[in-house]
Protein backbone atom coordinates (compact mmCIF):
# COMPACT_ATOMS: atom_id res chain seq x y z
CA UNK A 1 1.87 0.18 -7.37
CA UNK A 2 -1.43 0.14 -9.46
CA UNK A 3 -3.56 2.79 -10.69
CA UNK A 4 -6.26 1.49 -8.23
CA UNK A 5 -3.81 2.28 -5.33
CA UNK A 6 -3.68 5.90 -6.61
CA UNK A 7 -7.39 6.32 -7.02
CA UNK A 8 -7.99 4.92 -3.58
CA UNK A 9 -5.86 7.64 -2.05
CA UNK A 10 -8.19 10.36 -3.37
CA UNK A 11 -7.17 11.11 -6.98
CA UNK A 12 -9.90 13.33 -8.57
CA UNK A 13 -12.25 11.69 -11.09
CA UNK A 14 -11.22 12.37 -14.50
CA UNK A 15 -7.48 12.08 -13.77
CA UNK A 16 -7.06 8.37 -14.49
CA UNK A 17 -5.67 8.77 -18.00
CA UNK A 18 -3.17 11.21 -16.72
CA UNK A 19 -2.09 9.16 -13.80
CA UNK A 20 -1.82 6.03 -16.08
CA UNK A 21 0.65 7.87 -18.15
CA UNK A 22 2.45 9.21 -15.19
CA UNK A 23 2.94 5.65 -13.74
CA UNK A 24 4.52 4.61 -17.01
CA UNK A 25 6.62 7.70 -17.10
CA UNK A 26 8.11 7.21 -13.69
CA UNK A 27 9.09 3.53 -14.08
CA UNK A 28 12.60 4.66 -14.36
CA UNK A 29 12.40 7.24 -11.68
CA UNK A 30 12.50 10.28 -13.98
CA UNK A 31 10.35 12.27 -16.36
CA UNK A 32 11.92 12.89 -19.80
CA UNK A 33 11.13 16.11 -21.96
CA UNK A 34 8.90 13.81 -24.30
CA UNK A 35 6.97 12.32 -21.35
CA UNK A 36 6.48 15.71 -19.82
CA UNK A 37 5.12 16.88 -23.23
CA UNK A 38 2.78 13.98 -23.31
CA UNK A 39 1.49 14.53 -19.89
CA UNK A 40 0.88 18.15 -20.72
CA UNK A 41 -1.17 16.97 -23.75
CA UNK A 42 -3.29 14.50 -21.69
CA UNK A 43 -4.00 17.44 -19.06
CA UNK A 44 -5.18 19.70 -21.84
CA UNK A 45 -7.20 16.95 -23.61
CA UNK A 46 -9.15 16.34 -20.35
CA UNK A 47 -9.34 19.78 -19.14
CA UNK A 48 -7.46 19.14 -15.91
CA UNK A 49 -6.96 22.17 -13.58
CA UNK A 50 -3.97 22.95 -11.38
CA UNK A 51 -5.97 21.83 -8.38
CA UNK A 52 -6.78 18.44 -10.22
CA UNK A 53 -3.05 17.81 -10.79
CA UNK A 54 -2.03 18.85 -7.22
CA UNK A 55 -4.57 16.36 -5.81
CA UNK A 56 -3.66 13.69 -8.15
CA UNK A 57 0.02 14.20 -7.47
CA UNK A 58 -0.57 14.01 -3.73
CA UNK A 59 -2.69 10.89 -4.09
CA UNK A 60 0.17 9.31 -6.22
CA UNK A 61 2.77 10.09 -3.44
CA UNK A 62 0.51 8.66 -0.67
CA UNK A 63 0.08 5.42 -2.73
CA UNK A 64 3.81 5.25 -3.35
CA UNK A 65 4.65 5.80 0.36
CA UNK A 66 2.11 3.26 1.54
CA UNK A 67 3.37 0.73 -0.97
CA UNK A 68 6.86 1.23 0.36
CA UNK A 69 5.55 0.61 3.80
CA UNK A 70 4.18 -2.99 2.76
CA UNK A 71 6.94 -4.76 4.72
CA UNK A 72 6.74 -2.65 7.77
CA UNK A 73 10.00 -0.70 7.15
CA UNK A 74 11.32 1.92 4.73
CA UNK A 75 14.95 1.90 3.95
CA UNK A 76 17.12 5.01 3.51
CA UNK A 77 17.33 4.51 -0.21
CA UNK A 78 13.50 4.20 -0.53
CA UNK A 79 13.10 7.30 1.42
CA UNK A 80 15.53 9.15 -1.00
CA UNK A 81 13.45 7.82 -3.88
CA UNK A 82 10.25 9.02 -2.44
CA UNK A 83 11.75 12.39 -1.86
CA UNK A 84 13.03 12.41 -5.46
CA UNK A 85 9.61 11.60 -6.90
CA UNK A 86 7.84 14.21 -4.60
CA UNK A 87 10.21 16.92 -6.01
CA UNK A 88 9.55 15.90 -9.55
CA UNK A 89 5.67 16.16 -8.91
CA UNK A 90 6.17 19.44 -6.81
CA UNK A 91 4.55 17.69 -3.90
CA UNK A 92 5.40 18.96 -0.45
CA UNK A 93 7.98 16.71 1.30
CA UNK A 94 5.76 16.98 4.44
CA UNK A 95 3.05 14.83 2.84
CA UNK A 96 5.43 11.93 2.44
CA UNK A 97 7.11 12.66 5.88
CA UNK A 98 3.76 12.52 7.60
CA UNK A 99 2.97 9.06 6.19
CA UNK A 100 6.52 7.71 7.02
CA UNK A 101 6.56 9.27 10.42
CA UNK A 102 3.22 7.75 11.35
CA UNK A 103 4.56 4.42 10.07
CA UNK A 104 7.74 4.67 12.04
CA UNK A 105 5.62 5.31 15.20
CA UNK A 106 3.29 2.36 14.24
CA UNK A 107 6.29 0.11 13.91
CA UNK A 108 7.97 1.10 17.12
CA UNK A 109 4.54 0.59 18.92
CA UNK A 110 4.21 -2.99 17.55
CA UNK A 111 7.76 -3.91 18.27
CA UNK A 112 7.36 -2.53 21.82
CA UNK A 113 4.12 -4.17 22.73
CA UNK A 114 4.19 -7.16 20.51
CA UNK A 115 1.34 -8.74 18.67
CA UNK A 116 -0.90 -11.29 20.64
CA UNK A 117 -1.80 -14.71 19.40
CA UNK A 118 -5.51 -15.11 18.70
CA UNK A 119 -7.24 -16.85 21.64
CA UNK A 120 -8.52 -20.64 21.17
CA UNK A 121 -12.03 -19.47 21.51
CA UNK A 122 -11.74 -16.64 18.79
CA UNK A 123 -15.26 -16.19 17.26
CA UNK A 124 -14.77 -12.77 15.37
CA UNK A 125 -14.01 -14.31 12.00
CA UNK A 126 -11.04 -12.95 10.08
CA UNK A 127 -8.68 -11.01 12.24
CA UNK A 128 -7.58 -7.52 11.61
CA UNK A 129 -4.09 -7.19 10.16
CA UNK A 130 -1.41 -4.49 10.12
CA UNK A 131 -1.71 -2.40 6.90
CA UNK A 132 -5.30 -3.19 6.05
CA UNK A 133 -7.82 -0.60 5.27
CA UNK A 134 -10.81 0.29 7.55
CA UNK A 135 -13.46 2.99 7.48
CA UNK A 136 -15.86 4.36 10.12
CA UNK A 137 -19.32 5.73 9.94
CA UNK A 138 -21.65 7.02 12.74
CA UNK A 139 -20.42 5.78 16.10
CA UNK A 140 -20.12 7.59 19.48
CA UNK A 141 -17.69 10.49 18.78
CA UNK A 142 -15.30 9.87 21.67
CA UNK A 143 -15.11 6.17 21.14
CA UNK A 144 -14.58 6.60 17.20
CA UNK A 145 -11.86 9.12 17.78
CA UNK A 146 -10.18 6.77 20.27
CA UNK A 147 -10.46 3.79 17.88
CA UNK A 148 -9.25 5.63 14.80
CA UNK A 149 -6.22 6.92 16.73
CA UNK A 150 -5.44 3.41 18.15
CA UNK A 151 -5.81 1.83 14.60
CA UNK A 152 -3.58 4.39 13.01
CA UNK A 153 -0.92 4.12 15.81
CA UNK A 154 -0.73 0.37 15.20
CA UNK A 155 -0.47 0.55 11.34
CA UNK A 156 -4.12 0.02 10.29
CA UNK A 157 -5.08 2.49 7.53
CA UNK A 158 -8.15 4.52 8.42
CA UNK A 159 -9.81 5.81 5.27
CA UNK A 160 -12.34 8.39 4.51
CA UNK A 161 -14.32 6.19 1.91
CA UNK A 162 -15.35 2.63 1.31
CA UNK A 163 -13.74 0.79 -1.60
CA UNK A 164 -13.14 -2.77 -2.70
CA UNK A 165 -9.80 -2.56 -0.71
CA UNK A 166 -11.68 -1.76 2.60
CA UNK A 167 -11.62 -4.87 4.84
CA UNK A 168 -14.32 -3.61 7.19
CA UNK A 169 -16.64 -0.76 7.88
CA UNK A 170 -16.93 0.09 11.58
CA UNK A 171 -20.46 1.27 12.50
CA UNK A 172 -23.06 1.00 15.42
CA UNK A 173 -26.23 1.29 13.48
CA UNK A 174 -27.10 4.73 14.59
CA UNK A 175 -26.45 6.15 11.08
CA UNK A 176 -26.61 4.74 7.61
CA UNK A 177 -25.30 6.84 4.78
CA UNK A 178 -23.11 6.69 1.66
CA UNK A 179 -20.37 4.58 3.19
CA UNK A 180 -22.82 1.96 4.45
CA UNK A 181 -24.55 1.90 1.01
CA UNK A 182 -21.20 1.43 -0.75
CA UNK A 183 -20.28 -1.48 1.86
CA UNK A 184 -23.54 -3.08 1.05
CA UNK A 185 -22.98 -2.80 -2.67
CA UNK A 186 -19.45 -4.22 -2.30
CA UNK A 187 -20.20 -6.85 0.27
CA UNK A 188 -17.78 -5.14 2.72
CA UNK A 189 -17.84 -6.64 6.21
CA UNK A 190 -19.42 -4.40 8.86
CA UNK A 191 -18.55 -4.64 12.53
CA UNK A 192 -19.66 -2.85 15.71
CA UNK A 193 -17.15 -0.52 17.47
CA UNK A 194 -16.87 -2.86 20.56
CA UNK A 195 -16.06 -5.71 18.22
CA UNK A 196 -13.44 -3.59 16.39
CA UNK A 197 -11.88 -2.78 19.56
CA UNK A 198 -11.33 -6.56 20.26
CA UNK A 199 -10.13 -6.97 16.63
CA UNK A 200 -7.57 -4.23 17.17
CA UNK A 201 -6.59 -5.69 20.59
CA UNK A 202 -5.76 -8.97 18.67
CA UNK A 203 -4.21 -7.24 15.62
CA UNK A 204 -2.39 -9.81 13.56
CA UNK A 205 0.84 -9.50 11.30
CA UNK A 206 0.46 -7.98 7.85
CA UNK A 207 0.35 -10.02 4.74
CA UNK A 208 2.42 -9.76 1.66
CA UNK A 209 1.14 -10.38 -1.80
CA UNK A 210 2.25 -9.57 -5.43
CA UNK A 211 0.12 -9.64 -8.59
CA UNK A 212 -0.95 -13.19 -9.32
CA UNK A 213 0.80 -14.88 -6.24
CA UNK A 214 -0.74 -16.20 -3.14
CA UNK A 215 -0.75 -14.11 0.05
CA UNK A 216 1.50 -15.25 2.82
CA UNK A 217 1.93 -13.85 6.52
CA UNK A 218 4.73 -11.46 6.58
CA UNK A 219 7.49 -12.38 8.94
CA UNK A 220 11.02 -11.45 9.69
CA UNK A 221 12.28 -14.25 7.55
CA UNK A 222 10.28 -13.09 4.48
CA UNK A 223 11.77 -9.75 4.33
CA UNK A 224 15.17 -10.44 5.66
CA UNK A 225 16.51 -11.40 2.23
CA UNK A 226 18.80 -14.20 1.00
CA UNK A 227 20.77 -16.21 3.42
CA UNK A 228 17.98 -17.06 5.81
CA UNK A 229 17.50 -20.98 6.21
CA UNK A 230 13.64 -20.72 6.73
CA UNK A 231 12.99 -18.18 4.09
CA UNK A 232 9.75 -19.13 2.16
CA UNK A 233 10.01 -20.69 -1.34
CA UNK A 234 10.37 -18.06 -4.06
CA UNK A 235 7.09 -17.03 -5.55
CA UNK A 236 6.26 -18.12 -9.15
CA UNK A 237 7.51 -15.69 -11.99
CA UNK A 238 4.55 -13.93 -13.56
CA UNK A 239 4.46 -13.83 -17.35
CA UNK A 240 4.57 -10.01 -17.88
CA UNK A 241 8.01 -8.44 -17.76
CA UNK A 242 7.19 -4.94 -16.88
CA UNK A 243 9.45 -3.27 -14.29
CA UNK A 244 6.92 -3.39 -11.56
CA UNK A 245 6.41 -7.14 -12.18
CA UNK A 246 10.23 -7.58 -11.99
CA UNK A 247 10.54 -5.72 -8.67
CA UNK A 248 7.81 -8.07 -7.40
CA UNK A 249 9.65 -11.10 -8.57
CA UNK A 250 12.95 -9.75 -7.17
CA UNK A 251 11.65 -8.97 -3.76
CA UNK A 252 9.97 -12.47 -3.66
CA UNK A 253 13.42 -14.03 -4.59
CA UNK A 254 15.38 -12.33 -1.93
CA UNK A 255 16.93 -9.25 -3.89
CA UNK A 256 16.90 -5.86 -2.42
CA UNK A 257 15.03 -3.50 -4.89
CA UNK A 258 13.58 0.05 -4.27
CA UNK A 259 10.09 1.19 -5.15
CA UNK A 260 11.44 3.31 -7.96
CA UNK A 261 14.68 3.88 -10.04
CA UNK A 262 16.45 1.66 -12.56
CA UNK A 263 16.61 -2.00 -11.77
CA UNK A 264 20.17 -3.43 -11.13
CA UNK A 265 21.58 -5.47 -14.07
CA UNK A 266 22.01 -8.38 -11.64
CA UNK A 267 18.20 -8.47 -11.04
CA UNK A 268 17.24 -8.36 -14.75
CA UNK A 269 19.87 -10.89 -15.51
CA UNK A 270 18.42 -13.17 -12.70
CA UNK A 271 14.98 -12.51 -13.80
CA UNK A 272 15.83 -13.61 -17.46
CA UNK A 273 17.73 -16.57 -16.52
CA UNK A 274 14.74 -17.78 -14.20
CA UNK A 275 12.62 -18.26 -17.44
CA UNK A 276 9.09 -19.58 -16.90
CA UNK A 277 10.12 -21.58 -13.74
CA UNK A 278 10.09 -18.51 -11.58
CA UNK A 279 13.10 -19.91 -9.76
CA UNK A 280 16.37 -18.16 -9.18
CA UNK A 281 19.34 -20.41 -8.65
CA UNK A 282 22.17 -18.56 -7.06
């Protein structure tokens, strides 16, 4: 998870330094007395209020929960880890539960209905994918409410703002405000609600990417772990050896790792043994 992910979930302006330190502190799944003291120091230095911290912590948990959902499923261990971090940050368990419950419903809907192949005469450009972020502005109220709910039910994330992570802004041209201005600034794709309805109808599988590695379509074999004959080739090993980098490498090479907590010795040994080749030889 990156700092940008947390900011995108609504962390208040001015909490960046605090969140950066919090990310480092929680790499091992706990906050020591020294780390707590350092966080208090940053809070005081930047004059952060209790409300600032509450919003920052909630944004942190939302980003963490959405990152755990990257592969479309959250294991029991990952749910436990999310609950542990939420307790550490005094974030209501209902915040994480809402995100996970929504994801569970979306996953069930996708499995039940199946995802359609794009028609041969597809002419709407890049398709919409599960897990991507979209935003709405203007539009007919009833149509917008229906499309937003339909998107959320199928695992598309409907955001209240436009950022560099937003894949498209849905608008009918009846209103041009801050979201449209931001979309123009960032070069974000804009689509009409009627087009979005078609994009949603032909929703495509999610993509999976780790820092510095190419995106590939997420399929059952890419998340099933070791032992699957058609599992894609392992992703290249990145040069930095931070816990988040090791987790990304481990996931790409078939190991089961959580979003937080101490990394298993087996994973660390394998990471080291892979050297600069990025290949793990079992």
